[in-house]
Amino acid sequence: MNQYNTTGRLTKDPELSATANGTPVCRVRLAVDGAGRGRDDNGRPKVGFINVTQFGAGAQAAAEYLKKGSLVAVSGRVEWHAWKDEHDTTRETHQIIGEIRFLGNLRSPEERGRDLEHDQQLAAEAGDATDVAVQAASGPTAEQLAADAPRRAAAPAAAGVER
């Protein structure tokens, strides 16, 4: 059985992308107490770092609500990848493909709106057609978010997100 469950904190903001067919993909990196090799100077297990990938609607919710430092629980399967680097050395990495559950330190509605406005401003300044398309598809403005706050407050529960 290939099942992995852990709890940790995000080491940086989530990265959202999409597959070729448009499925949302969210990648995060967790710091997990006790997942590292050996012990620190105080005799406690070292912190380990784990890459996690989630697909679908949950990926979009994770990218919207999580931020660096958010506490999450992860459940999924472990996948190993091996490749040769530029020096022909075999390299390996692992990641968890699964579900991310939100436990604490989430983005506030104001933070989500501010980040959205910042992304839209950067896209407009760049003037690139691709960025403008991303801007148009990226969602509501901060004013729309504020007006729609009651519905959005219920959104995490509807998307399977725990508060």
N, C-alpha and C. Protein backbone atom coordinates (compact mmCIF):
# COMPACT_ATOMS: atom_id res chain seq x y z
N MET A 1 0.85 -1.18 0.00
CA MET A 1 0.00 0.00 0.00
C MET A 1 0.89 1.24 0.00
N ASN A 2 0.59 2.17 -0.86
CA ASN A 2 1.36 3.41 -0.98
C ASN A 2 0.50 4.55 -0.48
N GLN A 3 0.53 4.79 0.83
CA GLN A 3 -0.27 5.83 1.45
C GLN A 3 0.60 6.63 2.40
N TYR A 4 0.59 7.95 2.26
CA TYR A 4 1.40 8.81 3.11
C TYR A 4 0.51 9.88 3.71
N ASN A 5 0.62 10.08 5.02
CA ASN A 5 -0.13 11.12 5.73
C ASN A 5 0.84 11.88 6.61
N THR A 6 0.75 13.21 6.58
CA THR A 6 1.60 14.02 7.43
C THR A 6 0.99 15.39 7.63
N THR A 7 1.58 16.13 8.54
CA THR A 7 1.17 17.50 8.81
C THR A 7 2.42 18.36 8.80
N GLY A 8 2.32 19.54 8.20
CA GLY A 8 3.47 20.44 8.16
C GLY A 8 3.06 21.84 7.77
N ARG A 9 4.07 22.69 7.64
CA ARG A 9 3.85 24.09 7.27
C ARG A 9 4.47 24.38 5.91
N LEU A 10 3.80 25.22 5.12
CA LEU A 10 4.32 25.59 3.80
C LEU A 10 5.58 26.43 3.96
N THR A 11 6.60 26.11 3.15
CA THR A 11 7.85 26.85 3.21
C THR A 11 7.82 28.08 2.31
N LYS A 12 6.85 28.15 1.40
CA LYS A 12 6.66 29.31 0.53
C LYS A 12 5.22 29.28 0.03
N ASP A 13 4.80 30.35 -0.65
CA ASP A 13 3.45 30.40 -1.20
C ASP A 13 3.26 29.30 -2.23
N PRO A 14 2.03 28.79 -2.38
CA PRO A 14 1.76 27.74 -3.37
C PRO A 14 2.02 28.22 -4.80
N GLU A 15 2.36 27.28 -5.66
CA GLU A 15 2.55 27.57 -7.09
C GLU A 15 1.40 26.91 -7.85
N LEU A 16 0.63 27.71 -8.57
CA LEU A 16 -0.50 27.20 -9.34
C LEU A 16 -0.16 27.21 -10.82
N SER A 17 -0.42 26.09 -11.48
CA SER A 17 -0.25 26.00 -12.94
C SER A 17 -1.40 25.14 -13.46
N ALA A 18 -1.30 24.72 -14.71
CA ALA A 18 -2.34 23.88 -15.30
C ALA A 18 -1.69 22.84 -16.20
N THR A 19 -2.37 21.71 -16.34
CA THR A 19 -1.92 20.70 -17.27
C THR A 19 -2.27 21.15 -18.69
N ALA A 20 -1.83 20.40 -19.68
CA ALA A 20 -2.11 20.74 -21.08
C ALA A 20 -3.62 20.80 -21.36
N ASN A 21 -4.40 19.99 -20.63
CA ASN A 21 -5.85 20.01 -20.86
C ASN A 21 -6.59 20.97 -19.93
N GLY A 22 -5.83 21.79 -19.17
CA GLY A 22 -6.45 22.83 -18.36
C GLY A 22 -6.74 22.48 -16.92
N THR A 23 -6.38 21.29 -16.46
CA THR A 23 -6.61 20.90 -15.07
C THR A 23 -5.67 21.68 -14.16
N PRO A 24 -6.20 22.35 -13.12
CA PRO A 24 -5.34 23.09 -12.19
C PRO A 24 -4.40 22.15 -11.43
N VAL A 25 -3.16 22.62 -11.21
CA VAL A 25 -2.14 21.87 -10.48
C VAL A 25 -1.52 22.82 -9.46
N CYS A 26 -1.55 22.43 -8.19
CA CYS A 26 -0.94 23.24 -7.13
C CYS A 26 0.22 22.46 -6.54
N ARG A 27 1.37 23.13 -6.45
CA ARG A 27 2.56 22.52 -5.85
C ARG A 27 2.96 23.32 -4.62
N VAL A 28 3.22 22.59 -3.54
CA VAL A 28 3.68 23.21 -2.30
C VAL A 28 4.85 22.40 -1.75
N ARG A 29 5.61 23.01 -0.87
CA ARG A 29 6.71 22.33 -0.18
C ARG A 29 6.44 22.50 1.31
N LEU A 30 6.46 21.37 2.02
CA LEU A 30 6.18 21.38 3.46
C LEU A 30 7.43 21.16 4.28
N ALA A 31 7.50 21.82 5.41
CA ALA A 31 8.48 21.52 6.44
C ALA A 31 7.76 20.63 7.45
N VAL A 32 8.29 19.43 7.67
CA VAL A 32 7.63 18.45 8.55
C VAL A 32 8.58 18.08 9.68
N ASP A 33 8.17 18.32 10.91
CA ASP A 33 8.98 17.95 12.06
C ASP A 33 9.18 16.44 12.10
N GLY A 34 10.41 16.01 12.31
CA GLY A 34 10.71 14.59 12.45
C GLY A 34 10.87 13.84 11.15
N ALA A 35 10.75 14.51 10.01
CA ALA A 35 10.88 13.82 8.73
C ALA A 35 12.31 13.89 8.18
N GLY A 36 13.17 14.62 8.85
CA GLY A 36 14.56 14.74 8.40
C GLY A 36 15.41 13.59 8.92
N ARG A 37 16.62 13.52 8.43
CA ARG A 37 17.54 12.46 8.86
C ARG A 37 18.32 12.92 10.09
N GLY A 38 18.37 12.06 11.08
CA GLY A 38 19.17 12.35 12.27
C GLY A 38 18.45 13.25 13.25
N ARG A 39 19.27 13.80 14.16
CA ARG A 39 18.74 14.66 15.22
C ARG A 39 19.51 15.97 15.25
N ASP A 40 18.83 17.03 15.73
CA ASP A 40 19.51 18.32 15.83
C ASP A 40 20.36 18.35 17.10
N ASP A 41 20.94 19.51 17.41
CA ASP A 41 21.83 19.64 18.58
C ASP A 41 21.12 19.41 19.90
N ASN A 42 19.79 19.56 19.92
CA ASN A 42 19.02 19.37 21.14
C ASN A 42 18.45 17.96 21.25
N GLY A 43 18.80 17.08 20.32
CA GLY A 43 18.33 15.70 20.36
C GLY A 43 16.97 15.47 19.74
N ARG A 44 16.37 16.52 19.16
CA ARG A 44 15.05 16.35 18.52
C ARG A 44 15.24 15.91 17.08
N PRO A 45 14.26 15.17 16.55
CA PRO A 45 14.37 14.78 15.12
C PRO A 45 14.41 16.01 14.24
N LYS A 46 15.22 15.96 13.18
CA LYS A 46 15.36 17.10 12.27
C LYS A 46 14.12 17.29 11.40
N VAL A 47 13.96 18.51 10.93
CA VAL A 47 12.87 18.85 10.03
C VAL A 47 13.21 18.30 8.65
N GLY A 48 12.21 17.72 7.98
CA GLY A 48 12.36 17.26 6.61
C GLY A 48 11.47 18.09 5.70
N PHE A 49 11.79 18.08 4.42
CA PHE A 49 11.03 18.87 3.45
C PHE A 49 10.40 17.94 2.43
N ILE A 50 9.11 18.13 2.20
CA ILE A 50 8.34 17.24 1.35
C ILE A 50 7.60 18.05 0.29
N ASN A 51 7.73 17.65 -0.98
CA ASN A 51 6.99 18.28 -2.07
C ASN A 51 5.64 17.61 -2.20
N VAL A 52 4.60 18.43 -2.38
CA VAL A 52 3.23 17.92 -2.49
C VAL A 52 2.58 18.53 -3.72
N THR A 53 1.84 17.71 -4.47
CA THR A 53 1.11 18.16 -5.65
C THR A 53 -0.34 17.74 -5.52
N GLN A 54 -1.24 18.68 -5.81
CA GLN A 54 -2.68 18.39 -5.83
C GLN A 54 -3.24 18.87 -7.15
N PHE A 55 -4.20 18.13 -7.69
CA PHE A 55 -4.84 18.44 -8.97
C PHE A 55 -6.30 18.80 -8.76
N GLY A 56 -6.89 19.53 -9.72
CA GLY A 56 -8.32 19.79 -9.75
C GLY A 56 -8.74 21.00 -8.95
N ALA A 57 -10.02 20.99 -8.56
CA ALA A 57 -10.60 22.14 -7.85
C ALA A 57 -9.90 22.37 -6.52
N GLY A 58 -9.47 21.31 -5.86
CA GLY A 58 -8.73 21.45 -4.60
C GLY A 58 -7.43 22.20 -4.79
N ALA A 59 -6.81 22.04 -5.96
CA ALA A 59 -5.56 22.74 -6.26
C ALA A 59 -5.82 24.24 -6.34
N GLN A 60 -6.91 24.63 -6.98
CA GLN A 60 -7.25 26.06 -7.09
C GLN A 60 -7.53 26.64 -5.71
N ALA A 61 -8.26 25.91 -4.88
CA ALA A 61 -8.58 26.39 -3.53
C ALA A 61 -7.30 26.52 -2.71
N ALA A 62 -6.39 25.55 -2.83
CA ALA A 62 -5.13 25.61 -2.08
C ALA A 62 -4.34 26.85 -2.47
N ALA A 63 -4.24 27.12 -3.77
CA ALA A 63 -3.49 28.28 -4.23
C ALA A 63 -4.13 29.59 -3.75
N GLU A 64 -5.45 29.60 -3.63
CA GLU A 64 -6.13 30.82 -3.22
C GLU A 64 -6.04 31.06 -1.72
N TYR A 65 -6.17 30.01 -0.91
CA TYR A 65 -6.29 30.17 0.53
C TYR A 65 -4.99 29.98 1.31
N LEU A 66 -4.01 29.26 0.76
CA LEU A 66 -2.79 28.98 1.50
C LEU A 66 -1.72 30.03 1.24
N LYS A 67 -0.79 30.14 2.17
CA LYS A 67 0.34 31.05 2.04
C LYS A 67 1.50 30.45 2.82
N LYS A 68 2.67 31.05 2.66
CA LYS A 68 3.84 30.60 3.40
C LYS A 68 3.50 30.57 4.88
N GLY A 69 3.81 29.45 5.54
CA GLY A 69 3.53 29.31 6.97
C GLY A 69 2.22 28.64 7.28
N SER A 70 1.33 28.45 6.28
CA SER A 70 0.05 27.79 6.53
C SER A 70 0.28 26.38 7.03
N LEU A 71 -0.52 25.96 8.00
CA LEU A 71 -0.46 24.61 8.53
C LEU A 71 -1.44 23.74 7.73
N VAL A 72 -0.95 22.62 7.20
CA VAL A 72 -1.79 21.74 6.40
C VAL A 72 -1.56 20.29 6.78
N ALA A 73 -2.55 19.47 6.48
CA ALA A 73 -2.42 18.02 6.57
C ALA A 73 -2.48 17.50 5.14
N VAL A 74 -1.66 16.51 4.85
CA VAL A 74 -1.57 15.95 3.51
C VAL A 74 -1.81 14.46 3.57
N SER A 75 -2.57 13.96 2.61
CA SER A 75 -2.81 12.54 2.48
C SER A 75 -2.70 12.18 1.00
N GLY A 76 -1.88 11.19 0.68
CA GLY A 76 -1.72 10.83 -0.72
C GLY A 76 -0.74 9.71 -0.92
N ARG A 77 -0.31 9.54 -2.17
CA ARG A 77 0.63 8.48 -2.50
C ARG A 77 2.00 9.08 -2.81
N VAL A 78 3.04 8.32 -2.58
CA VAL A 78 4.40 8.77 -2.83
C VAL A 78 4.79 8.37 -4.25
N GLU A 79 5.37 9.32 -4.99
CA GLU A 79 5.91 9.03 -6.32
C GLU A 79 7.39 9.40 -6.32
N TRP A 80 8.22 8.51 -6.89
CA TRP A 80 9.66 8.74 -7.01
C TRP A 80 9.97 9.06 -8.46
N HIS A 81 10.91 9.97 -8.66
CA HIS A 81 11.35 10.33 -10.01
C HIS A 81 12.87 10.32 -10.02
N ALA A 82 13.44 9.76 -11.07
CA ALA A 82 14.89 9.75 -11.25
C ALA A 82 15.22 10.35 -12.61
N TRP A 83 16.36 11.06 -12.70
CA TRP A 83 16.80 11.67 -13.94
C TRP A 83 18.31 11.85 -13.88
N LYS A 84 18.88 12.13 -15.02
CA LYS A 84 20.31 12.42 -15.12
C LYS A 84 20.48 13.94 -15.24
N ASP A 85 21.36 14.51 -14.44
CA ASP A 85 21.62 15.94 -14.54
C ASP A 85 22.65 16.23 -15.63
N GLU A 86 23.06 17.49 -15.73
CA GLU A 86 23.99 17.90 -16.80
C GLU A 86 25.36 17.24 -16.68
N HIS A 87 25.69 16.68 -15.50
CA HIS A 87 26.97 16.00 -15.30
C HIS A 87 26.82 14.49 -15.38
N ASP A 88 25.67 14.04 -15.91
CA ASP A 88 25.35 12.62 -16.06
C ASP A 88 25.29 11.87 -14.72
N THR A 89 24.95 12.62 -13.67
CA THR A 89 24.76 12.03 -12.36
C THR A 89 23.28 11.73 -12.18
N THR A 90 22.98 10.54 -11.70
CA THR A 90 21.59 10.18 -11.46
C THR A 90 21.09 10.92 -10.23
N ARG A 91 19.98 11.61 -10.38
CA ARG A 91 19.35 12.35 -9.29
C ARG A 91 17.97 11.75 -9.05
N GLU A 92 17.52 11.83 -7.82
CA GLU A 92 16.21 11.30 -7.46
C GLU A 92 15.48 12.30 -6.58
N THR A 93 14.18 12.28 -6.70
CA THR A 93 13.34 13.09 -5.82
C THR A 93 12.03 12.34 -5.61
N HIS A 94 11.30 12.74 -4.61
CA HIS A 94 9.98 12.15 -4.36
C HIS A 94 9.00 13.29 -4.11
N GLN A 95 7.75 12.98 -4.31
CA GLN A 95 6.69 13.93 -4.03
C GLN A 95 5.44 13.17 -3.61
N ILE A 96 4.56 13.86 -2.95
CA ILE A 96 3.28 13.29 -2.56
C ILE A 96 2.24 13.83 -3.53
N ILE A 97 1.48 12.94 -4.14
CA ILE A 97 0.35 13.32 -4.99
C ILE A 97 -0.90 13.03 -4.17
N GLY A 98 -1.66 14.05 -3.83
CA GLY A 98 -2.82 13.79 -3.01
C GLY A 98 -3.61 15.02 -2.67
N GLU A 99 -4.18 14.99 -1.49
CA GLU A 99 -5.11 16.00 -1.04
C GLU A 99 -4.48 16.83 0.07
N ILE A 100 -4.65 18.14 -0.03
CA ILE A 100 -4.15 19.07 0.98
C ILE A 100 -5.35 19.56 1.79
N ARG A 101 -5.29 19.39 3.11
CA ARG A 101 -6.36 19.89 3.99
C ARG A 101 -5.82 21.09 4.76
N PHE A 102 -6.60 22.15 4.79
CA PHE A 102 -6.18 23.39 5.43
C PHE A 102 -6.44 23.30 6.93
N LEU A 103 -5.43 23.63 7.73
CA LEU A 103 -5.59 23.57 9.18
C LEU A 103 -5.48 24.94 9.85
N GLY A 104 -4.68 25.85 9.30
CA GLY A 104 -4.56 27.15 9.94
C GLY A 104 -3.68 28.10 9.18
N ASN A 105 -3.72 29.38 9.59
CA ASN A 105 -2.93 30.45 9.02
C ASN A 105 -3.23 30.63 7.53
N LEU A 106 -4.51 30.79 7.20
CA LEU A 106 -4.94 30.95 5.82
C LEU A 106 -4.90 32.42 5.41
N ARG A 107 -4.93 32.66 4.10
CA ARG A 107 -5.00 34.03 3.58
C ARG A 107 -6.36 34.61 3.94
N SER A 108 -6.34 35.86 4.36
CA SER A 108 -7.60 36.55 4.64
C SER A 108 -8.21 36.99 3.32
N PRO A 109 -9.51 37.34 3.29
CA PRO A 109 -10.10 37.85 2.05
C PRO A 109 -9.38 39.09 1.54
N GLU A 110 -8.89 39.93 2.46
CA GLU A 110 -8.16 41.12 2.04
C GLU A 110 -6.85 40.74 1.35
N GLU A 111 -6.13 39.74 1.90
CA GLU A 111 -4.88 39.29 1.28
C GLU A 111 -5.14 38.71 -0.10
N ARG A 112 -6.19 37.90 -0.21
CA ARG A 112 -6.50 37.29 -1.51
C ARG A 112 -6.83 38.38 -2.53
N GLY A 113 -7.60 39.39 -2.14
CA GLY A 113 -7.95 40.48 -3.04
C GLY A 113 -6.74 41.32 -3.42
N ARG A 114 -5.87 41.60 -2.45
CA ARG A 114 -4.66 42.37 -2.71
C ARG A 114 -3.74 41.63 -3.68
N ASP A 115 -3.57 40.33 -3.46
CA ASP A 115 -2.72 39.53 -4.36
C ASP A 115 -3.29 39.51 -5.76
N LEU A 116 -4.61 39.39 -5.89
CA LEU A 116 -5.25 39.37 -7.19
C LEU A 116 -5.04 40.71 -7.91
N GLU A 117 -5.24 41.81 -7.19
CA GLU A 117 -5.03 43.13 -7.80
C GLU A 117 -3.58 43.31 -8.23
N HIS A 118 -2.64 42.83 -7.41
CA HIS A 118 -1.22 42.95 -7.75
C HIS A 118 -0.90 42.17 -9.02
N ASP A 119 -1.41 40.94 -9.13
CA ASP A 119 -1.19 40.13 -10.33
C ASP A 119 -1.78 40.81 -11.56
N GLN A 120 -2.97 41.39 -11.42
CA GLN A 120 -3.61 42.06 -12.55
C GLN A 120 -2.83 43.31 -12.95
N GLN A 121 -2.30 44.04 -11.98
CA GLN A 121 -1.52 45.23 -12.28
C GLN A 121 -0.23 44.85 -13.02
N LEU A 122 0.44 43.79 -12.58
CA LEU A 122 1.66 43.35 -13.25
C LEU A 122 1.36 42.94 -14.69
N ALA A 123 0.25 42.24 -14.89
CA ALA A 123 -0.12 41.80 -16.24
C ALA A 123 -0.41 43.01 -17.13
N ALA A 124 -1.10 44.00 -16.59
CA ALA A 124 -1.43 45.19 -17.38
C ALA A 124 -0.17 45.98 -17.73
N GLU A 125 0.77 46.07 -16.79
CA GLU A 125 2.01 46.80 -17.05
C GLU A 125 2.85 46.09 -18.11
N ALA A 126 2.82 44.75 -18.09
CA ALA A 126 3.60 43.99 -19.07
C ALA A 126 3.02 44.17 -20.47
N GLY A 127 1.70 44.31 -20.55
CA GLY A 127 1.06 44.54 -21.84
C GLY A 127 1.10 43.35 -22.77
N ASP A 128 1.50 42.21 -22.28
CA ASP A 128 1.59 41.00 -23.09
C ASP A 128 0.19 40.41 -23.24
N ALA A 129 -0.15 39.97 -24.43
CA ALA A 129 -1.48 39.40 -24.69
C ALA A 129 -1.74 38.19 -23.80
N THR A 130 -0.71 37.38 -23.55
CA THR A 130 -0.88 36.21 -22.68
C THR A 130 -1.22 36.66 -21.27
N ASP A 131 -0.51 37.67 -20.77
CA ASP A 131 -0.78 38.16 -19.42
C ASP A 131 -2.16 38.76 -19.32
N VAL A 132 -2.61 39.45 -20.35
CA VAL A 132 -3.94 40.04 -20.34
C VAL A 132 -4.99 38.93 -20.30
N ALA A 133 -4.75 37.84 -21.02
CA ALA A 133 -5.68 36.72 -20.99
C ALA A 133 -5.71 36.09 -19.61
N VAL A 134 -4.56 35.97 -18.96
CA VAL A 134 -4.51 35.44 -17.60
C VAL A 134 -5.24 36.38 -16.66
N GLN A 135 -5.04 37.68 -16.84
CA GLN A 135 -5.71 38.68 -16.02
C GLN A 135 -7.23 38.54 -16.15
N ALA A 136 -7.71 38.40 -17.36
CA ALA A 136 -9.16 38.30 -17.59
C ALA A 136 -9.72 37.03 -16.98
N ALA A 137 -8.92 35.96 -16.97
CA ALA A 137 -9.41 34.68 -16.45
C ALA A 137 -9.12 34.50 -14.98
N SER A 138 -8.38 35.42 -14.35
CA SER A 138 -7.93 35.20 -12.99
C SER A 138 -8.99 35.44 -11.94
N GLY A 139 -10.08 36.08 -12.27
CA GLY A 139 -11.15 36.19 -11.30
C GLY A 139 -11.51 37.61 -10.96
N PRO A 140 -12.26 37.76 -9.87
CA PRO A 140 -12.83 39.04 -9.50
C PRO A 140 -11.80 40.00 -8.92
N THR A 141 -12.17 41.30 -8.91
CA THR A 141 -11.33 42.33 -8.31
C THR A 141 -11.55 42.35 -6.80
N ALA A 142 -10.76 43.13 -6.09
CA ALA A 142 -10.90 43.23 -4.64
C ALA A 142 -12.28 43.76 -4.27
N GLU A 143 -12.80 44.72 -5.08
CA GLU A 143 -14.14 45.26 -4.79
C GLU A 143 -15.20 44.17 -4.95
N GLN A 144 -15.06 43.35 -6.00
CA GLN A 144 -16.01 42.26 -6.20
C GLN A 144 -15.90 41.23 -5.08
N LEU A 145 -14.67 40.97 -4.63
CA LEU A 145 -14.48 40.03 -3.52
C LEU A 145 -15.16 40.55 -2.25
N ALA A 146 -14.99 41.84 -1.97
CA ALA A 146 -15.59 42.42 -0.78
C ALA A 146 -17.12 42.35 -0.84
N ALA A 147 -17.69 42.63 -2.02
CA ALA A 147 -19.14 42.58 -2.18
C ALA A 147 -19.67 41.16 -2.08
N ASP A 148 -18.84 40.20 -2.44
CA ASP A 148 -19.24 38.80 -2.48
C ASP A 148 -18.73 38.02 -1.26
N ALA A 149 -18.28 38.72 -0.21
CA ALA A 149 -17.66 38.09 0.95
C ALA A 149 -18.52 37.01 1.61
N PRO A 150 -19.84 37.21 1.80
CA PRO A 150 -20.62 36.16 2.47
C PRO A 150 -20.59 34.83 1.72
N ARG A 151 -20.70 34.86 0.40
CA ARG A 151 -20.67 33.61 -0.37
C ARG A 151 -19.28 32.99 -0.32
N ARG A 152 -18.24 33.83 -0.41
CA ARG A 152 -16.87 33.32 -0.43
C ARG A 152 -16.48 32.74 0.92
N ALA A 153 -17.07 33.25 2.00
CA ALA A 153 -16.76 32.70 3.32
C ALA A 153 -17.22 31.25 3.42
N ALA A 154 -18.27 30.90 2.70
CA ALA A 154 -18.78 29.53 2.70
C ALA A 154 -18.06 28.65 1.70
N ALA A 155 -17.29 29.24 0.78
CA ALA A 155 -16.64 28.48 -0.29
C ALA A 155 -15.70 27.39 0.19
N PRO A 156 -14.88 27.61 1.23
CA PRO A 156 -13.98 26.53 1.64
C PRO A 156 -14.72 25.27 2.04
N ALA A 157 -15.84 25.41 2.75
CA ALA A 157 -16.60 24.23 3.15
C ALA A 157 -17.17 23.51 1.94
N ALA A 158 -17.61 24.27 0.97
CA ALA A 158 -18.18 23.67 -0.24
C ALA A 158 -17.13 22.97 -1.07
N ALA A 159 -15.89 23.41 -1.01
CA ALA A 159 -14.82 22.81 -1.81
C ALA A 159 -14.10 21.69 -1.04
N GLY A 160 -14.63 21.29 0.11
CA GLY A 160 -13.99 20.24 0.89
C GLY A 160 -12.81 20.77 1.71
N VAL A 161 -12.81 22.05 1.98
CA VAL A 161 -11.72 22.66 2.71
C VAL A 161 -12.12 22.80 4.16
N GLU A 162 -11.25 22.40 5.04
CA GLU A 162 -11.52 22.54 6.47
C GLU A 162 -10.97 23.85 6.97
N ARG A 163 -11.69 24.48 7.83
CA ARG A 163 -11.21 25.74 8.43
C ARG A 163 -10.68 25.48 9.80
